[in-house]
Amino acid sequence: MLPLPEQFNENEWFIILTIVCGFILILSLPKRYPLVISILLILFTVTIAIIMDHLIATPPLDLYDLNDLEKYEVTDIITYLMYSPYALLCVYLFDKFDPKGIYITAYVILWSLFALGFEWLAVFFNVFKFSGWTFLNSFAFYLLATSIYILFFRFIMDSLKSKKVKEV
């Protein structure tokens, strides 16, 4: 069983508040696509976070630590949900505004900068402790991740449209 945090402090509060506020924001928006799309995007976002974390935050690279302990704790698992509502907002607004051409690139850059700012707050609140990882690495990752989220969203929307599934 995973250990509980040694202390319930700013990093746990940051994680809980960002998840709760993010999902309240998402739930307050008008529906644009079926619930199954949101569930798939949440699972996809969590999967990307877990893969990334296991690739670069564990030995041999060990470029950052999560939360209070160097080993996994319960809060680390919850941390994987932290980016989900904001990834949902990213694709929601992408779907709403439907940027074309160079505006897609600008959109990805803006969302990557947003994610970088969000990560800076997470570092400030001791969610992440870098030991070799940099914000420049993060920006490059967010450019890739945002592009992948949008491509995944388009893929599942196109798949749904071809199946003529009704919105819920």
C-alpha atoms as a PDB file:
ATOM      1  CA  MET A   1       0.000   0.000   0.000  1.00  0.00           C
ATOM      2  CA  LEU A   2       1.205   3.492  -0.809  1.00  0.00           C
ATOM      3  CA  PRO A   3       2.098   5.715   2.133  1.00  0.00           C
ATOM      4  CA  LEU A   4       0.072   8.783   3.021  1.00  0.00           C
ATOM      5  CA  PRO A   5       1.783  12.188   2.883  1.00  0.00           C
ATOM      6  CA  GLU A   6       4.038  12.887   5.837  1.00  0.00           C
ATOM      7  CA  GLN A   7       2.388  16.292   6.191  1.00  0.00           C
ATOM      8  CA  PHE A   8      -0.739  17.666   4.559  1.00  0.00           C
ATOM      9  CA  ASN A   9       0.647  20.975   3.329  1.00  0.00           C
ATOM     10  CA  GLU A  10       0.722  23.347   0.362  1.00  0.00           C
ATOM     11  CA  ASN A  11       1.403  20.742  -2.312  1.00  0.00           C
ATOM     12  CA  GLU A  12      -1.571  18.564  -1.346  1.00  0.00           C
ATOM     13  CA  TRP A  13      -3.822  21.639  -1.143  1.00  0.00           C
ATOM     14  CA  PHE A  14      -2.599  22.842  -4.538  1.00  0.00           C
ATOM     15  CA  ILE A  15      -3.342  19.463  -6.135  1.00  0.00           C
ATOM     16  CA  ILE A  16      -6.809  19.180  -4.598  1.00  0.00           C
ATOM     17  CA  LEU A  17      -7.797  22.785  -5.362  1.00  0.00           C
ATOM     18  CA  THR A  18      -6.588  22.690  -8.970  1.00  0.00           C
ATOM     19  CA  ILE A  19      -8.428  19.432  -9.632  1.00  0.00           C
ATOM     20  CA  VAL A  20     -11.661  20.613  -7.970  1.00  0.00           C
ATOM     21  CA  CYS A  21     -11.582  24.091  -9.574  1.00  0.00           C
ATOM     22  CA  GLY A  22     -10.666  22.631 -12.959  1.00  0.00           C
ATOM     23  CA  PHE A  23     -13.505  20.127 -12.977  1.00  0.00           C
ATOM     24  CA  ILE A  24     -15.999  22.722 -11.693  1.00  0.00           C
ATOM     25  CA  LEU A  25     -14.977  24.926 -14.619  1.00  0.00           C
ATOM     26  CA  ILE A  26     -15.359  22.060 -17.110  1.00  0.00           C
ATOM     27  CA  LEU A  27     -18.724  20.981 -15.706  1.00  0.00           C
ATOM     28  CA  SER A  28     -20.024  24.560 -15.888  1.00  0.00           C
ATOM     29  CA  LEU A  29     -19.350  24.840 -19.635  1.00  0.00           C
ATOM     30  CA  PRO A  30     -22.074  24.068 -22.180  1.00  0.00           C
ATOM     31  CA  LYS A  31     -21.773  20.549 -23.583  1.00  0.00           C
ATOM     32  CA  ARG A  32     -20.049  20.380 -26.981  1.00  0.00           C
ATOM     33  CA  TYR A  33     -19.465  16.648 -27.350  1.00  0.00           C
ATOM     34  CA  PRO A  34     -20.499  13.344 -25.779  1.00  0.00           C
ATOM     35  CA  LEU A  35     -19.441  12.427 -22.253  1.00  0.00           C
ATOM     36  CA  VAL A  36     -17.484   9.458 -23.620  1.00  0.00           C
ATOM     37  CA  ILE A  37     -15.121  11.926 -25.341  1.00  0.00           C
ATOM     38  CA  SER A  38     -14.385  13.645 -22.023  1.00  0.00           C
ATOM     39  CA  ILE A  39     -13.775  10.306 -20.316  1.00  0.00           C
ATOM     40  CA  LEU A  40     -11.396   9.216 -23.087  1.00  0.00           C
ATOM     41  CA  LEU A  41      -9.533  12.533 -22.880  1.00  0.00           C
ATOM     42  CA  ILE A  42      -9.188  12.258 -19.093  1.00  0.00           C
ATOM     43  CA  LEU A  43      -7.856   8.696 -19.401  1.00  0.00           C
ATOM     44  CA  PHE A  44      -5.513   9.782 -22.195  1.00  0.00           C
ATOM     45  CA  THR A  45      -4.196  12.732 -20.160  1.00  0.00           C
ATOM     46  CA  VAL A  46      -3.622  10.554 -17.096  1.00  0.00           C
ATOM     47  CA  THR A  47      -1.890   7.932 -19.241  1.00  0.00           C
ATOM     48  CA  ILE A  48       0.467  10.529 -20.748  1.00  0.00           C
ATOM     49  CA  ALA A  49       1.262  11.849 -17.249  1.00  0.00           C
ATOM     50  CA  ILE A  50       1.985   8.353 -15.904  1.00  0.00           C
ATOM     51  CA  ILE A  51       4.178   7.416 -18.868  1.00  0.00           C
ATOM     52  CA  MET A  52       6.104  10.690 -18.688  1.00  0.00           C
ATOM     53  CA  ASP A  53       6.529  10.395 -14.942  1.00  0.00           C
ATOM     54  CA  HIS A  54       7.837   6.841 -15.191  1.00  0.00           C
ATOM     55  CA  LEU A  55      10.210   7.735 -18.021  1.00  0.00           C
ATOM     56  CA  ILE A  56      11.891  10.780 -16.547  1.00  0.00           C
ATOM     57  CA  ALA A  57      11.112  10.928 -12.822  1.00  0.00           C
ATOM     58  CA  THR A  58      12.416   7.470 -11.941  1.00  0.00           C
ATOM     59  CA  PRO A  59      15.918   5.993 -12.193  1.00  0.00           C
ATOM     60  CA  PRO A  60      18.020   6.030 -14.249  1.00  0.00           C
ATOM     61  CA  LEU A  61      17.046   9.622 -15.217  1.00  0.00           C
ATOM     62  CA  ASP A  62      15.318  10.724 -11.977  1.00  0.00           C
ATOM     63  CA  LEU A  63      14.974  14.338 -13.153  1.00  0.00           C
ATOM     64  CA  TYR A  64      12.336  15.414 -10.635  1.00  0.00           C
ATOM     65  CA  ASP A  65      10.394  14.269  -7.592  1.00  0.00           C
ATOM     66  CA  LEU A  66       6.703  14.577  -6.832  1.00  0.00           C
ATOM     67  CA  ASN A  67       5.393  15.958  -3.572  1.00  0.00           C
ATOM     68  CA  ASP A  68       7.011  15.227  -0.201  1.00  0.00           C
ATOM     69  CA  LEU A  69       8.663  11.832  -0.577  1.00  0.00           C
ATOM     70  CA  GLU A  70      11.173  10.554  -3.127  1.00  0.00           C
ATOM     71  CA  LYS A  71       9.088   7.370  -3.387  1.00  0.00           C
ATOM     72  CA  TYR A  72       5.456   7.176  -4.474  1.00  0.00           C
ATOM     73  CA  GLU A  73       2.750   8.192  -2.050  1.00  0.00           C
ATOM     74  CA  VAL A  74      -1.024   8.343  -2.372  1.00  0.00           C
ATOM     75  CA  THR A  75      -0.958  12.010  -3.377  1.00  0.00           C
ATOM     76  CA  ASP A  76       1.280  11.198  -6.360  1.00  0.00           C
ATOM     77  CA  ILE A  77      -1.516   9.109  -7.858  1.00  0.00           C
ATOM     78  CA  ILE A  78      -3.984  11.982  -7.420  1.00  0.00           C
ATOM     79  CA  THR A  79      -1.450  14.323  -9.062  1.00  0.00           C
ATOM     80  CA  TYR A  80      -1.996  12.492 -12.360  1.00  0.00           C
ATOM     81  CA  LEU A  81      -5.521  13.956 -12.492  1.00  0.00           C
ATOM     82  CA  MET A  82      -4.253  17.509 -12.048  1.00  0.00           C
ATOM     83  CA  TYR A  83      -3.801  18.276 -15.748  1.00  0.00           C
ATOM     84  CA  SER A  84      -6.989  16.568 -16.974  1.00  0.00           C
ATOM     85  CA  PRO A  85      -9.484  19.419 -16.641  1.00  0.00           C
ATOM     86  CA  TYR A  86      -7.100  21.830 -18.347  1.00  0.00           C
ATOM     87  CA  ALA A  87      -6.496  19.394 -21.209  1.00  0.00           C
ATOM     88  CA  LEU A  88     -10.289  19.136 -21.510  1.00  0.00           C
ATOM     89  CA  LEU A  89     -10.539  22.923 -21.591  1.00  0.00           C
ATOM     90  CA  CYS A  90      -7.831  23.048 -24.256  1.00  0.00           C
ATOM     91  CA  VAL A  91      -9.686  20.721 -26.618  1.00  0.00           C
ATOM     92  CA  TYR A  92     -13.055  22.253 -25.713  1.00  0.00           C
ATOM     93  CA  LEU A  93     -11.869  25.699 -26.793  1.00  0.00           C
ATOM     94  CA  PHE A  94     -10.105  24.214 -29.803  1.00  0.00           C
ATOM     95  CA  ASP A  95     -13.386  22.640 -30.860  1.00  0.00           C
ATOM     96  CA  LYS A  96     -15.306  25.854 -30.183  1.00  0.00           C
ATOM     97  CA  PHE A  97     -12.973  28.236 -32.039  1.00  0.00           C
ATOM     98  CA  ASP A  98     -11.755  25.735 -34.677  1.00  0.00           C
ATOM     99  CA  PRO A  99      -8.474  27.497 -35.508  1.00  0.00           C
ATOM    100  CA  LYS A 100      -7.065  27.003 -39.000  1.00  0.00           C
ATOM    101  CA  GLY A 101      -3.571  27.246 -40.508  1.00  0.00           C
ATOM    102  CA  ILE A 102      -1.048  29.280 -38.523  1.00  0.00           C
ATOM    103  CA  TYR A 103      -3.646  29.820 -35.785  1.00  0.00           C
ATOM    104  CA  ILE A 104      -3.360  26.145 -34.838  1.00  0.00           C
ATOM    105  CA  THR A 105       0.347  26.685 -34.187  1.00  0.00           C
ATOM    106  CA  ALA A 106      -0.393  29.826 -32.180  1.00  0.00           C
ATOM    107  CA  TYR A 107      -3.063  27.946 -30.216  1.00  0.00           C
ATOM    108  CA  VAL A 108      -0.639  25.119 -29.346  1.00  0.00           C
ATOM    109  CA  ILE A 109       2.042  27.618 -28.300  1.00  0.00           C
ATOM    110  CA  LEU A 110      -0.402  29.585 -26.124  1.00  0.00           C
ATOM    111  CA  TRP A 111      -1.667  26.441 -24.388  1.00  0.00           C
ATOM    112  CA  SER A 112       1.909  25.237 -23.887  1.00  0.00           C
ATOM    113  CA  LEU A 113       2.718  28.558 -22.238  1.00  0.00           C
ATOM    114  CA  PHE A 114      -0.391  28.192 -20.067  1.00  0.00           C
ATOM    115  CA  ALA A 115       0.760  24.680 -19.054  1.00  0.00           C
ATOM    116  CA  LEU A 116       4.214  26.057 -18.297  1.00  0.00           C
ATOM    117  CA  GLY A 117       2.688  28.717 -16.042  1.00  0.00           C
ATOM    118  CA  PHE A 118       0.594  26.064 -14.363  1.00  0.00           C
ATOM    119  CA  GLU A 119       3.715  23.951 -13.829  1.00  0.00           C
ATOM    120  CA  TRP A 120       5.565  26.949 -12.418  1.00  0.00           C
ATOM    121  CA  LEU A 121       2.776  27.267  -9.818  1.00  0.00           C
ATOM    122  CA  ALA A 122       3.063  23.542  -9.074  1.00  0.00           C
ATOM    123  CA  VAL A 123       6.814  23.952  -8.523  1.00  0.00           C
ATOM    124  CA  PHE A 124       6.146  26.995  -6.324  1.00  0.00           C
ATOM    125  CA  PHE A 125       3.781  24.883  -4.202  1.00  0.00           C
ATOM    126  CA  ASN A 126       6.318  22.012  -4.041  1.00  0.00           C
ATOM    127  CA  VAL A 127       4.358  19.544  -6.155  1.00  0.00           C
ATOM    128  CA  PHE A 128       7.426  19.103  -8.370  1.00  0.00           C
ATOM    129  CA  LYS A 129      11.048  19.322  -7.263  1.00  0.00           C
ATOM    130  CA  PHE A 130      13.355  19.507 -10.265  1.00  0.00           C
ATOM    131  CA  SER A 131      16.768  17.836 -10.144  1.00  0.00           C
ATOM    132  CA  GLY A 132      17.851  18.022 -13.760  1.00  0.00           C
ATOM    133  CA  TRP A 133      14.540  18.812 -15.457  1.00  0.00           C
ATOM    134  CA  THR A 134      14.030  22.411 -16.633  1.00  0.00           C
ATOM    135  CA  PHE A 135      11.132  24.601 -17.714  1.00  0.00           C
ATOM    136  CA  LEU A 136      12.572  24.551 -21.237  1.00  0.00           C
ATOM    137  CA  ASN A 137      12.205  20.741 -21.207  1.00  0.00           C
ATOM    138  CA  SER A 138       8.645  21.206 -19.991  1.00  0.00           C
ATOM    139  CA  PHE A 139       7.809  23.696 -22.735  1.00  0.00           C
ATOM    140  CA  ALA A 140       9.050  21.273 -25.401  1.00  0.00           C
ATOM    141  CA  PHE A 141       7.002  18.496 -23.807  1.00  0.00           C
ATOM    142  CA  TYR A 142       3.871  20.671 -23.629  1.00  0.00           C
ATOM    143  CA  LEU A 143       4.192  21.574 -27.311  1.00  0.00           C
ATOM    144  CA  LEU A 144       4.201  17.867 -28.101  1.00  0.00           C
ATOM    145  CA  ALA A 145       1.522  16.905 -25.559  1.00  0.00           C
ATOM    146  CA  THR A 146      -0.878  19.679 -26.620  1.00  0.00           C
ATOM    147  CA  SER A 147      -0.494  18.667 -30.254  1.00  0.00           C
ATOM    148  CA  ILE A 148      -1.122  15.024 -29.354  1.00  0.00           C
ATOM    149  CA  TYR A 149      -4.232  15.916 -27.305  1.00  0.00           C
ATOM    150  CA  ILE A 150      -5.674  17.875 -30.216  1.00  0.00           C
ATOM    151  CA  LEU A 151      -4.867  15.101 -32.698  1.00  0.00           C
ATOM    152  CA  PHE A 152      -6.373  12.488 -30.365  1.00  0.00           C
ATOM    153  CA  PHE A 153      -9.478  14.650 -29.906  1.00  0.00           C
ATOM    154  CA  ARG A 154      -9.874  15.057 -33.677  1.00  0.00           C
ATOM    155  CA  PHE A 155      -9.376  11.326 -34.182  1.00  0.00           C
ATOM    156  CA  ILE A 156     -12.046  10.311 -31.679  1.00  0.00           C
ATOM    157  CA  MET A 157     -14.458  13.011 -32.881  1.00  0.00           C
ATOM    158  CA  ASP A 158     -14.014  11.871 -36.481  1.00  0.00           C
ATOM    159  CA  SER A 159     -14.509   8.267 -35.387  1.00  0.00           C
ATOM    160  CA  LEU A 160     -17.670   9.193 -33.531  1.00  0.00           C
ATOM    161  CA  LYS A 161     -19.043  11.204 -36.435  1.00  0.00           C
ATOM    162  CA  SER A 162     -18.436   8.322 -38.805  1.00  0.00           C
ATOM    163  CA  LYS A 163     -20.420   6.049 -36.429  1.00  0.00           C
ATOM    164  CA  LYS A 164     -23.173   8.700 -36.136  1.00  0.00           C
ATOM    165  CA  VAL A 165     -23.310   8.505 -32.348  1.00  0.00           C
ATOM    166  CA  LYS A 166     -25.664  10.997 -30.718  1.00  0.00           C
ATOM    167  CA  GLU A 167     -24.489  13.429 -28.033  1.00  0.00           C
ATOM    168  CA  VAL A 168     -25.392  12.736 -24.413  1.00  0.00           C
END
